[in-house]
Protein backbone atom coordinates (compact mmCIF):
# COMPACT_ATOMS: atom_id res chain seq x y z
CA MET A 1 13.51 -24.11 3.74
CA ALA A 2 11.36 -21.10 2.88
CA ASP A 3 13.30 -20.58 -0.36
CA LYS A 4 12.70 -24.18 -1.36
CA GLU A 5 8.98 -23.87 -0.62
CA ALA A 6 8.74 -20.75 -2.80
CA PHE A 7 10.55 -22.45 -5.70
CA ASP A 8 8.32 -25.52 -5.32
CA MET A 9 5.22 -23.30 -5.59
CA LEU A 10 6.66 -21.66 -8.71
CA ARG A 11 7.45 -25.04 -10.27
CA VAL A 12 3.90 -26.28 -9.65
CA LEU A 13 2.42 -23.12 -11.19
CA LEU A 14 4.67 -23.33 -14.26
CA VAL A 15 3.82 -26.97 -14.83
CA ALA A 16 0.11 -26.26 -14.44
CA HIS A 17 -0.21 -23.07 -16.48
CA VAL A 18 2.64 -23.25 -18.98
CA GLY A 19 2.76 -27.02 -19.33
CA LYS A 20 -0.90 -27.18 -20.36
CA ARG A 21 0.00 -25.39 -23.59
CA SER A 22 1.44 -27.03 -26.66
CA LEU A 23 5.03 -26.54 -27.75
CA GLY A 24 3.75 -24.62 -30.77
CA ASP A 25 1.86 -22.19 -28.50
CA ILE A 26 4.97 -21.46 -26.48
CA MET A 27 7.30 -21.15 -29.48
CA SER A 28 4.89 -18.82 -31.28
CA ILE A 29 5.25 -16.38 -28.38
CA GLY A 30 8.99 -16.69 -27.88
CA CYS A 31 9.84 -16.36 -31.58
CA ASP A 32 7.84 -13.20 -32.25
CA PRO A 33 9.61 -10.09 -30.90
CA SER A 34 7.03 -7.81 -32.52
CA LEU A 35 4.20 -8.95 -30.25
CA PHE A 36 4.65 -6.19 -27.66
CA PHE A 37 4.71 -3.41 -30.24
CA ARG A 38 1.66 -4.74 -32.07
CA LEU A 39 -0.46 -5.33 -28.95
CA TRP A 40 0.43 -2.12 -27.10
CA PRO A 41 -1.87 0.21 -29.14
CA ALA A 42 -4.81 -2.18 -28.74
CA HIS A 43 -4.21 -2.41 -24.99
CA GLN A 44 -4.03 1.38 -24.80
CA ARG A 45 -7.42 1.71 -26.46
CA ARG A 46 -8.86 -0.94 -24.15
CA TYR A 47 -7.49 0.92 -21.13
CA GLU A 48 -9.01 4.23 -22.24
CA MET A 49 -12.38 2.64 -22.99
CA MET A 50 -12.65 1.06 -19.53
CA LEU A 51 -11.40 4.20 -17.79
CA GLU A 52 -14.22 6.28 -19.30
CA ALA A 53 -16.78 4.22 -17.36
CA PHE A 54 -15.32 5.09 -13.95
CA GLN A 55 -16.65 7.76 -11.63
CA GLU A 56 -14.29 10.70 -11.19
CA ILE A 57 -13.37 11.72 -7.64
CA THR A 58 -14.04 15.38 -6.87
CA ALA A 59 -12.65 17.79 -4.30
CA ASP A 60 -15.90 17.64 -2.32
CA SER A 61 -15.41 13.97 -1.52
CA ALA A 62 -11.61 13.93 -1.36
CA LEU A 63 -10.96 16.95 0.90
CA PRO A 64 -12.18 17.46 4.48
CA PRO A 65 -15.64 19.03 4.65
CA ILE A 66 -16.05 22.59 5.85
CA THR A 67 -17.43 22.58 9.38
CA VAL A 68 -18.02 25.25 11.97
CA GLY A 69 -16.43 24.78 15.37
CA VAL A 70 -13.64 22.63 16.73
CA PHE A 71 -12.20 19.80 14.66
CA ASP A 72 -13.25 16.55 16.35
CA ALA A 73 -10.33 14.15 15.90
CA GLU A 74 -12.13 11.25 17.57
CA GLN A 75 -15.13 11.64 15.28
CA ASP A 76 -12.81 11.76 12.26
CA GLN A 77 -11.06 8.59 13.42
CA ALA A 78 -14.35 6.78 13.95
CA ALA A 79 -15.52 7.74 10.47
CA CYS A 80 -12.24 6.51 8.98
CA ALA A 81 -12.46 3.19 10.83
CA GLU A 82 -15.94 2.61 9.41
CA ASP A 83 -15.13 3.89 5.92
CA VAL A 84 -11.53 4.55 4.96
CA ALA A 85 -12.77 6.44 1.88
CA SER A 86 -14.98 8.83 3.89
CA PRO A 87 -14.88 12.54 2.87
CA GLY A 88 -11.46 14.03 3.53
CA PHE A 89 -9.47 10.88 2.73
CA LEU A 90 -7.07 12.44 0.22
CA PRO A 91 -4.63 14.29 2.54
CA LYS A 92 -4.33 11.15 4.68
CA LEU A 93 -3.83 9.02 1.57
CA ALA A 94 -1.03 11.33 0.37
CA ALA A 95 0.66 11.21 3.79
CA ALA A 96 0.49 7.40 3.76
CA ALA A 97 2.09 7.37 0.29
CA ILE A 98 5.04 9.34 1.68
CA PHE A 99 5.43 6.77 4.47
CA ALA A 100 5.17 3.86 2.02
CA ARG A 101 8.01 5.32 -0.04
CA ALA A 102 10.05 6.03 3.08
CA ALA A 103 9.80 2.34 4.07
CA TYR A 104 12.38 1.56 1.37
CA GLY A 105 14.96 3.25 3.58
CA ALA A 106 18.38 4.12 2.16
CA LEU A 107 17.35 2.94 -1.31
CA MET A 108 15.15 6.05 -1.69
CA ARG A 109 17.39 8.58 -0.01
CA ARG A 110 18.07 11.71 -2.10
CA GLY A 111 15.86 10.34 -4.87
CA GLY A 112 18.11 7.33 -5.45
CA GLY A 113 15.23 5.00 -6.31
CA ASP A 114 13.05 7.47 -8.20
CA GLN A 115 13.95 6.04 -11.63
CA VAL A 116 13.72 2.46 -12.84
CA GLN A 117 17.49 2.18 -13.35
CA GLY A 118 18.21 3.74 -9.96
CA PHE A 119 15.72 1.46 -8.24
CA VAL A 120 17.24 -1.67 -9.77
CA GLY A 121 20.76 -0.45 -8.99
CA GLY A 122 19.79 0.40 -5.41
CA ALA A 123 18.24 -3.03 -4.97
CA ALA A 124 21.50 -4.61 -6.13
CA LYS A 125 23.41 -2.52 -3.58
CA ALA A 126 20.97 -3.49 -0.83
CA SER A 127 21.43 -7.18 -1.61
CA CYS A 128 25.19 -6.71 -1.18
CA GLY A 129 24.69 -5.33 2.34
CA ILE A 130 26.02 -1.85 1.56
CA TRP A 131 23.51 -0.29 3.99
CA ASP A 132 23.16 -1.38 7.61
CA ALA A 133 20.13 -0.96 9.87
CA ALA A 134 21.34 2.40 11.17
CA ALA A 135 21.64 3.78 7.63
CA HIS A 136 18.12 2.60 6.82
CA ASP A 137 16.78 4.11 10.04
CA ASP A 138 18.40 7.47 9.28
CA ALA A 139 17.07 7.44 5.73
CA PHE A 140 13.58 6.52 6.87
CA LEU A 141 13.45 9.29 9.46
CA GLU A 142 14.49 11.78 6.78
CA LEU A 143 12.11 10.48 4.13
CA ALA A 144 9.13 10.20 6.49
CA GLY A 145 9.78 13.44 8.37
CA VAL A 146 9.48 11.53 11.66
CA PRO A 147 11.35 12.52 14.86
CA ARG A 148 13.73 9.82 16.03
CA GLN A 149 11.89 9.33 19.32
CA ASP A 150 8.76 8.36 17.39
CA LEU A 151 10.46 5.39 15.71
CA LEU A 152 9.33 2.42 17.80
CA LEU A 153 10.51 -0.68 15.95
CA SER A 154 12.30 -1.45 12.71
CA SER A 155 13.44 -4.58 10.89
CA TRP A 156 15.54 -4.14 7.74
CA SER A 157 16.70 -7.71 7.14
CA GLU A 158 14.77 -9.24 4.26
CA ARG A 159 14.18 -12.92 3.62
CA THR A 160 11.61 -15.09 1.89
CA PHE A 161 8.26 -14.48 3.62
CA GLU A 162 10.01 -12.02 5.97
CA PRO A 163 9.75 -8.45 4.59
CA ALA A 164 11.29 -5.36 6.14
CA PHE A 165 9.00 -3.06 8.12
CA VAL A 166 8.89 0.00 10.39
CA LEU A 167 6.55 0.81 13.28
CA PHE A 168 6.29 4.46 14.32
CA TRP A 169 4.06 7.23 15.66
CA GLU A 170 2.40 9.94 13.59
CA HIS A 171 1.04 12.04 16.44
CA ARG A 172 -0.74 14.83 14.65
CA LEU A 173 -2.80 12.39 12.64
CA ARG A 174 -3.17 10.26 15.78
CA TRP A 175 -1.80 7.26 13.91
CA LEU A 176 0.27 4.26 14.91
CA VAL A 177 1.79 3.38 11.54
CA LEU A 178 3.12 0.05 10.30
CA ALA A 179 4.93 0.63 7.00
CA VAL A 180 6.05 -2.51 5.13
CA ARG A 181 8.78 -2.30 2.50
CA GLY A 182 8.17 -3.53 -1.02
CA SER A 183 10.40 -5.86 -3.02
CA SER A 184 13.92 -4.47 -2.99
CA GLU A 185 16.15 -7.54 -2.60
CA PRO A 186 16.25 -10.87 -4.49
CA LYS A 187 14.91 -12.77 -1.47
CA SER A 188 11.68 -10.77 -1.53
CA ILE A 189 11.04 -11.79 -5.13
CA LEU A 190 10.65 -15.37 -3.89
CA THR A 191 7.74 -14.15 -1.78
CA ASP A 192 6.16 -12.67 -4.92
CA ILE A 193 6.46 -15.88 -6.95
CA ALA A 194 4.92 -18.03 -4.20
CA ALA A 195 1.66 -17.23 -5.95
CA ASP A 196 -0.43 -20.23 -5.01
CA THR A 197 -3.58 -19.47 -3.01
CA CYS A 198 -4.58 -20.42 0.52
CA ASP A 199 -7.61 -20.00 2.76
CA LEU A 200 -7.95 -16.70 4.59
CA ALA A 201 -10.92 -15.29 6.52
CA GLY A 202 -13.46 -17.26 4.55
CA GLY A 203 -11.88 -16.48 1.17
CA ARG A 204 -8.71 -17.16 -0.82
CA ALA A 205 -5.48 -15.18 -0.87
CA HIS A 206 -1.92 -15.14 -2.27
CA SER A 207 -0.16 -17.63 0.01
CA GLY A 208 3.22 -15.88 -0.04
CA MET A 209 1.68 -12.61 1.14
CA VAL A 210 -0.37 -14.33 3.84
CA ARG A 211 2.73 -16.01 5.27
CA SER A 212 4.60 -12.71 5.19
CA ALA A 213 1.74 -10.86 6.89
CA ARG A 214 1.52 -13.42 9.69
CA TRP A 215 5.27 -13.17 10.22
CA VAL A 216 5.15 -9.36 10.41
CA LEU A 217 2.17 -9.42 12.76
CA GLU A 218 3.90 -11.84 15.09
CA ARG A 219 7.03 -9.67 15.20
CA VAL A 220 5.16 -6.43 15.93
CA ARG A 221 2.47 -7.89 18.21
CA MET A 222 4.03 -7.08 21.58
CA SER A 223 5.27 -3.70 20.37
CA LEU A 224 1.82 -2.93 19.01
CA ILE A 225 0.11 -3.82 22.27
CA GLY A 226 2.58 -1.77 24.29
CA ALA A 227 2.15 1.24 22.02
CA LEU A 228 -1.64 1.10 22.05
CA GLN A 229 -1.63 0.84 25.82
CA GLN A 230 -0.17 4.32 25.81
CA PHE A 231 -2.59 5.73 23.22
CA PRO A 232 -5.56 3.38 22.77
CA ASP A 233 -7.47 6.09 20.90
CA TYR A 234 -4.96 6.13 18.03
CA THR A 235 -5.77 4.55 14.67
CA VAL A 236 -3.57 1.65 13.55
CA VAL A 237 -2.59 2.40 9.95
CA CYS A 238 -0.87 -0.20 7.76
CA THR A 239 0.71 1.04 4.55
CA GLY A 240 3.19 -0.01 1.90
CA HIS A 241 4.01 -0.10 -1.79
CA SER A 242 4.04 -3.16 -4.06
CA LEU A 243 4.77 -6.25 -1.94
CA GLY A 244 4.61 -3.98 1.09
CA ALA A 245 1.08 -2.93 0.12
CA ASP A 246 -0.02 -6.55 -0.21
CA VAL A 247 1.41 -7.51 3.16
CA ALA A 248 0.11 -4.37 4.90
CA THR A 249 -3.39 -5.06 3.59
CA ILE A 250 -3.43 -8.61 4.93
CA VAL A 251 -1.99 -7.45 8.26
CA ALA A 252 -4.89 -5.02 8.64
CA LEU A 253 -7.33 -7.79 7.66
CA LEU A 254 -5.81 -10.20 10.19
CA MET A 255 -5.91 -7.59 12.93
CA ARG A 256 -9.61 -7.02 12.33
CA GLU A 257 -10.41 -10.71 12.02
CA GLU A 258 -8.23 -11.92 14.89
CA ALA A 259 -8.21 -8.98 17.32
CA GLY A 260 -9.55 -11.23 20.06
CA THR A 261 -6.61 -13.62 19.87
CA LEU A 262 -4.07 -10.93 18.98
CA VAL A 263 -4.73 -9.09 22.24
CA LYS A 264 -5.77 -11.44 24.99
CA VAL A 265 -7.45 -9.59 27.83
CA LEU A 266 -6.57 -12.21 30.43
CA PRO A 267 -4.19 -15.17 30.40
CA ALA A 268 -5.95 -18.51 30.70
CA THR A 269 -4.18 -19.27 33.99
CA GLU A 270 -5.38 -16.09 35.71
CA PRO A 271 -8.50 -16.13 37.93
CA GLN A 272 -11.56 -14.59 36.32
CA VAL A 273 -12.19 -10.92 37.01
CA ASP A 274 -14.84 -8.50 35.88
CA SER A 275 -13.52 -7.06 32.61
CA ALA A 276 -15.92 -4.13 32.98
CA THR A 277 -14.30 -2.91 36.22
CA ASP A 278 -10.77 -4.31 36.29
CA PRO A 279 -8.45 -1.51 35.04
CA ILE A 280 -5.98 -3.81 33.29
CA ALA A 281 -8.73 -5.74 31.55
CA MET A 282 -10.40 -2.48 30.54
CA GLN A 283 -7.13 -1.14 29.13
CA LEU A 284 -6.42 -4.26 27.13
CA GLY A 285 -10.00 -4.23 25.94
CA GLN A 286 -9.39 -0.76 24.53
CA VAL A 287 -6.22 -2.03 22.86
CA ARG A 288 -8.16 -4.89 21.31
CA GLN A 289 -10.76 -2.44 20.03
CA ALA A 290 -8.03 -0.23 18.50
CA ALA A 291 -6.36 -3.22 16.83
CA GLY A 292 -9.75 -4.32 15.51
CA GLY A 293 -10.15 -0.93 13.83
CA ALA A 294 -6.96 -1.10 11.76
CA VAL A 295 -7.04 0.47 8.28
CA ALA A 296 -4.73 0.12 5.29
CA TYR A 297 -3.55 2.50 2.57
CA ALA A 298 -2.02 0.39 -0.21
CA PHE A 299 -0.10 1.64 -3.28
CA GLY A 300 0.60 -0.53 -6.30
CA THR A 301 -1.28 -3.48 -4.81
CA SER A 302 -1.43 -6.69 -6.79
CA PRO A 303 -4.59 -8.81 -7.21
CA LEU A 304 -4.16 -10.97 -4.11
CA LEU A 305 -7.61 -11.71 -2.62
CA SER A 306 -10.61 -13.59 -3.92
CA PRO A 307 -13.32 -11.17 -5.13
CA ASP A 308 -15.64 -11.75 -2.15
CA LEU A 309 -12.84 -11.25 0.37
CA ALA A 310 -11.53 -8.19 -1.50
CA GLU A 311 -15.01 -6.66 -1.33
CA ARG A 312 -15.22 -7.31 2.40
CA CYS A 313 -12.10 -5.16 2.79
CA THR A 314 -13.86 -2.12 1.27
CA PRO A 315 -14.59 -0.36 4.61
CA PHE A 316 -10.97 -0.37 5.80
CA VAL A 317 -8.63 -0.75 2.78
CA LEU A 318 -7.94 1.92 0.18
CA SER A 319 -5.92 0.56 -2.77
CA VAL A 320 -4.34 2.94 -5.28
CA ALA A 321 -3.23 2.02 -8.80
CA ARG A 322 -1.53 4.25 -11.37
CA ASN A 323 -1.87 4.11 -15.17
CA VAL A 324 -0.92 0.60 -16.35
CA ASP A 325 1.32 -0.26 -13.40
CA TYR A 326 2.14 -3.89 -14.14
CA ILE A 327 2.08 -5.04 -10.51
CA THR A 328 -1.55 -3.96 -10.08
CA ARG A 329 -2.46 -6.47 -12.82
CA LEU A 330 0.03 -9.23 -12.05
CA SER A 331 -1.73 -12.46 -11.15
CA VAL A 332 -1.59 -16.05 -12.38
CA PHE A 333 -5.01 -15.65 -13.99
CA GLY A 334 -3.98 -12.38 -15.65
CA MET A 335 -0.79 -13.90 -17.04
CA ASP A 336 -2.79 -16.90 -18.30
CA ARG A 337 -5.04 -14.53 -20.26
CA LEU A 338 -2.05 -12.62 -21.59
CA MET A 339 -0.33 -15.80 -22.81
CA LEU A 340 -3.49 -16.80 -24.68
CA GLU A 341 -3.70 -13.36 -26.28
CA LEU A 342 -0.02 -13.44 -27.24
CA THR A 343 -0.45 -16.89 -28.76
CA GLU A 344 -3.45 -15.88 -30.86
CA HIS A 345 -1.80 -12.68 -32.10
CA SER A 346 1.64 -14.10 -32.83
CA VAL A 347 2.85 -13.86 -36.42
CA PHE A 348 3.14 -17.63 -36.76
CA ARG A 349 -0.35 -18.34 -35.45
CA ARG A 350 -1.93 -15.68 -37.63
CA ALA A 351 0.01 -16.91 -40.66
CA LYS A 352 -1.26 -20.43 -40.02
CA GLN A 353 -4.84 -19.15 -39.69
CA TRP A 354 -4.52 -17.14 -42.91
CA LEU A 355 -3.10 -20.09 -44.80
CA LEU A 356 -5.87 -22.45 -43.68
CA ARG A 357 -8.64 -19.98 -44.49
CA SER A 358 -7.15 -18.96 -47.85
CA THR A 359 -7.05 -22.60 -48.93
CA GLY A 360 -10.70 -23.14 -48.00
CA ARG A 361 -10.07 -25.10 -44.80
CA GLU A 362 -12.26 -22.86 -42.64
CA GLU A 363 -13.35 -25.61 -40.28
CA MET A 364 -9.77 -26.65 -39.62
CA ALA A 365 -8.84 -23.03 -38.84
CA ASN A 366 -11.74 -22.73 -36.38
CA ASN A 367 -10.82 -26.03 -34.71
CA ASP A 368 -7.20 -24.93 -34.35
CA LYS A 369 -8.27 -21.68 -32.67
CA ALA A 370 -10.71 -23.50 -30.39
CA ALA A 371 -8.02 -26.01 -29.41
CA THR A 372 -5.69 -23.21 -28.36
CA ARG A 373 -8.38 -21.73 -26.12
CA ASN A 374 -9.40 -25.10 -24.70
CA ARG A 375 -5.83 -25.82 -23.65
CA ALA A 376 -5.78 -22.54 -21.73
CA PHE A 377 -9.32 -22.25 -20.32
CA GLY A 378 -11.21 -25.37 -21.38
CA ASP A 379 -13.14 -27.73 -19.14
CA CYS A 380 -10.10 -29.96 -18.63
CA ALA A 381 -7.58 -27.15 -18.17
CA ARG A 382 -6.42 -25.95 -14.79
CA VAL A 383 -7.64 -22.37 -14.45
CA ALA A 384 -6.14 -20.17 -11.75
CA ASP A 385 -8.27 -18.54 -9.07
CA ILE A 386 -9.46 -15.07 -10.02
CA LEU A 387 -7.97 -12.61 -7.55
CA SER A 388 -8.71 -8.92 -7.12
CA PRO A 389 -6.99 -5.93 -5.53
CA PRO A 390 -8.34 -5.43 -2.00
CA GLY A 391 -10.77 -2.85 -0.70
CA ARG A 392 -11.96 0.38 -2.29
CA LEU A 393 -10.05 0.95 -5.51
CA VAL A 394 -8.67 4.35 -6.51
CA HIS A 395 -7.16 4.72 -9.97
CA MET A 396 -4.81 7.56 -10.92
CA ASP A 397 -4.56 8.27 -14.62
CA ARG A 398 -1.71 10.47 -15.79
CA ARG A 399 -0.47 10.02 -19.32
CA GLY A 400 1.64 12.47 -21.28
CA ASN A 401 1.40 16.07 -20.18
CA LYS A 402 -2.15 15.81 -18.87
CA PRO A 403 -2.78 16.55 -15.18
CA PRO A 404 -3.48 13.46 -13.05
CA ARG A 405 -7.09 12.33 -12.78
CA LEU A 406 -8.53 10.39 -9.84
CA THR A 407 -11.37 7.88 -10.28
CA TRP A 408 -13.10 5.05 -8.42
CA ALA A 409 -12.24 1.82 -10.22
CA MET A 410 -13.79 -1.65 -10.47
CA PRO A 411 -11.97 -4.93 -9.66
CA GLY A 412 -12.41 -6.36 -13.16
CA PHE A 413 -10.25 -3.54 -14.52
CA TYR A 414 -7.21 -5.30 -13.00
CA HIS A 415 -7.97 -8.88 -14.05
CA GLU A 416 -5.95 -8.64 -17.26
CA MET A 417 -2.37 -7.63 -17.90
CA LEU A 418 -2.04 -4.63 -20.22
CA LEU A 419 1.19 -3.90 -22.08
CA SER A 420 2.62 -0.39 -22.20
CA PRO A 421 6.07 1.22 -22.53
CA SER A 422 5.48 2.87 -19.14
CA MET A 423 4.25 -0.20 -17.27
CA PHE A 424 7.43 -0.39 -15.13
CA HIS A 425 7.86 3.35 -14.75
CA ASP A 426 4.24 3.63 -13.53
CA HIS A 427 5.09 1.40 -10.56
CA LEU A 428 7.74 3.65 -9.00
CA PRO A 429 6.84 4.87 -5.48
CA ILE A 430 7.70 8.50 -6.25
CA ARG A 431 5.14 8.54 -9.08
CA TYR A 432 2.38 7.65 -6.65
CA VAL A 433 3.53 10.31 -4.19
CA GLU A 434 3.93 13.06 -6.75
CA ASP A 435 0.63 12.40 -8.51
CA LEU A 436 -1.27 12.41 -5.23
CA LEU A 437 0.41 15.63 -4.14
CA GLN A 438 -0.37 17.25 -7.47
CA ILE A 439 -4.02 16.19 -7.19
CA VAL A 440 -4.18 17.66 -3.68
CA THR A 441 -2.70 20.91 -5.01
CA SER A 442 -5.18 21.06 -7.89
CA PHE A 443 -8.09 20.43 -5.52
CA VAL A 444 -6.88 23.04 -3.04
CA GLY A 445 -6.62 25.60 -5.83
CA PRO A 446 -4.87 28.95 -5.95
CA HIS A 447 -5.21 29.48 -2.19
CA ALA A 448 -2.42 27.02 -1.44
CA GLU A 449 0.47 28.81 0.23
CA ALA A 450 3.08 26.13 -0.32
CA GLU A 451 4.08 23.74 -3.08
CA LEU A 452 3.53 20.08 -2.37
CA GLU A 453 6.51 18.67 -4.23
CA LEU A 454 9.21 16.11 -3.52
CA THR A 455 10.96 15.93 -6.90
CA GLY A 456 13.53 18.23 -8.48
CA PRO A 457 15.53 20.29 -5.95
CA ALA A 458 13.20 19.16 -3.15
CA ARG A 459 14.53 15.60 -3.26
CA LEU A 460 17.93 16.88 -2.08
CA ASP A 461 16.38 18.80 0.82
CA PRO A 462 16.18 16.67 4.00
CA GLY A 463 13.36 18.86 5.33
CA ALA A 464 11.15 18.68 2.24
CA GLN A 465 9.13 15.69 3.44
CA ARG A 466 8.50 17.35 6.78
CA ARG A 467 7.21 20.53 5.15
CA VAL A 468 4.93 18.60 2.80
CA LEU A 469 3.52 16.61 5.73
CA GLU A 470 2.95 19.86 7.64
CA GLN A 471 0.84 21.11 4.76
CA LEU A 472 -1.13 17.85 4.56
CA HIS A 473 -1.73 17.88 8.30
CA ALA A 474 -2.88 21.49 8.15
CA LEU A 475 -5.18 20.76 5.24
CA HIS A 476 -6.65 17.75 7.02
CA GLY A 477 -7.38 19.78 10.16
CA SER A 478 -8.23 23.18 8.62
CA GLN A 479 -11.75 24.23 9.53
CA ASN A 480 -12.81 27.81 10.21
CA SER A 481 -10.07 29.21 8.04
CA GLY A 482 -11.75 27.57 5.03
CA ARG A 483 -11.14 24.35 3.21
CA HIS A 484 -8.57 25.70 0.81
CA LYS A 485 -6.28 27.53 3.20
CA VAL A 486 -3.04 25.72 3.91
CA VAL A 487 -1.45 27.11 7.05
CA HIS A 488 2.24 27.82 7.37
CA VAL A 489 4.23 26.77 10.44
CA GLN A 490 4.76 30.18 12.05
CA GLN A 491 6.28 29.44 15.42
CA TYR A 492 7.24 26.58 17.69
CA CYS A 493 5.52 26.35 21.07
CA PRO A 494 6.45 22.99 22.58
CA LEU A 495 4.12 20.81 24.58
CA GLU A 496 5.76 19.21 27.56
CA THR A 497 4.95 15.59 26.79
CA VAL A 498 3.03 13.45 24.37
CA GLU A 499 0.42 12.99 27.10
CA ASP A 500 -0.08 16.76 27.12
CA PHE A 501 -0.80 16.58 23.41
CA ILE A 502 -3.47 13.92 23.84
CA ASP A 503 -5.02 15.46 26.98
CA ALA A 504 -4.46 19.07 26.07
CA ASP A 505 -8.17 19.78 26.23
CA LYS A 506 -8.03 19.04 29.98
CA GLN A 507 -5.13 21.38 30.69
CA GLU A 508 -4.63 25.08 30.46
CA ALA A 509 -2.38 26.20 27.66
CA ALA A 510 0.68 28.26 28.43
CA ALA A 511 0.41 31.96 27.75
CA ASN A 512 2.48 31.73 24.58
CA THR A 513 0.82 28.52 23.35
CA LEU A 514 -2.29 28.26 21.18
CA SER A 515 -5.38 26.49 22.48
CA VAL A 516 -5.70 22.79 21.76
CA GLU A 517 -8.61 23.56 19.41
CA ASP A 518 -6.42 25.89 17.35
CA PHE A 519 -3.55 23.40 17.58
CA ILE A 520 -5.58 20.52 16.18
CA ARG A 521 -7.42 22.71 13.69
CA ASP A 522 -4.52 24.56 12.17
CA GLY A 523 -1.71 22.08 12.62
CA THR A 524 0.67 25.03 13.08
CA HIS A 525 2.85 23.55 15.79
CA GLU A 526 5.29 20.74 15.73
CA VAL A 527 4.96 18.04 18.34
CA ARG A 528 8.12 17.07 20.10
CA ALA A 529 7.30 14.05 22.15
CA GLU A 530 9.61 12.99 24.92
CA PRO A 531 10.96 9.50 24.52
CA CYS A 532 8.31 6.95 25.43
CA MET A 533 8.73 4.72 28.44
CA ILE A 534 9.16 1.91 25.97
CA GLU A 535 12.43 2.29 24.12
CA SER A 536 12.86 1.97 20.40
CA ALA A 537 14.32 -1.27 19.17
CA ALA A 538 15.79 -2.51 15.91
CA VAL A 539 15.00 -6.13 15.11
CA THR A 540 18.04 -8.13 14.20
CA SER A 541 17.98 -11.30 12.22
CA GLY A 542 17.11 -14.37 14.23
CA ALA A 543 16.12 -12.47 17.35
CA ASP A 544 12.67 -11.68 18.72
CA THR A 545 13.37 -8.16 19.90
CA PHE A 546 10.37 -6.27 21.22
CA PHE A 547 10.05 -3.05 23.11
């Protein structure tokens, strides 16, 4: 049924936006193989011109500020909940990119999906069922550097409007992370093409992504509530790449908009109690507050929200685009504009215009050009809703051998599709991860004591992700040692339980254990949490399995 609905949406869109053009318009595009090569240089110049107008992001705003005293994790979380792009966002953004890539599971293991051919081949293998849920879990734990006991819930079956996802702890960042997988099987492509729009939170949104987000939220709801009951002071972080980024963004939006109904303090059948004194009501009230403070880090996000709704997401969504990544510009409106441009620049259309003008029929040439535009965007034509990428927009520019450059972008930059030979390569998850890590390294400067790298030999090292995350955690929490000092993991002094980690400031540290202030500040110790009271669970198809 869901597949049929997706195909019906695609058929309606094709009839509306391709059918409004004449047969000559369509044939002029399909019969001119030189169009891409002739338009690419012009698109490159347009890209560079727009990029020059953007504000560059500096180390002062991207790295944690230098402060004197103990690192206040609660204050940092509160600042992030109010403004996800607050000073010091870059290490957290890089960590989220690692998790977004890890959400692809076995497809990305040992760098298998780090090239376009490998990604397509891995997706074909995934569709054939070569990897089971256990293989995906193992790959995710390796790619995310997460202990097995911190994996709370996973679903690796993928259907139309039902993407794969993982729910897990990231204790040192005090995060409860929901990572949604991007398109990696044919079924997920049907979600992408269900590109009609629907109402959402007072705006408009990509209907396929909204349905997927509601499905994910319903599946993780009980697990989310149970997890936040344990640690209500943790930040709920939604992340993903491509389709996963779109869905994660809408999940965070729904959690903020519908926190009251997502976490009900009291069932309707229960007698009324004072929510200010009843311990259960107070606890669930804290859970509701935590869910209402969800944030999203999105990589390779498509234009999926109406401009007003996308702007409302600015405080809690950070969207990252890279070069001319085609997904970040893929919308019905953008494709409509591209088809008009292709039509006007096709050899046959330009030959017709030249012939009319050279024979003195200037008015006829102008009328022909105006008719082409009227069919696409005239008063009687059906024009698609203009959609924008959500939240605060970060653009990474890295072309050729130049070092990556980070800028704040504007929504209009992504309203048109730009052609480039690297438009597919720019979308790969590893490119986002590597560019962010390289930017962190360049901002940190020569004082960095470790390389932040996951390509080359590092991709074959199962512990590489863990070491990179250690460095990002240390950088995020480094204070008195100076902003640019990245601390090595020197020794392992275990805490007894996860509760000890959270309440360590109320307990005396063991003689061979650093103080909680040093622990949080330096990030030099690895947390080994005992298994939670709520067991991990893998969601199987057709079953509502919660922990």
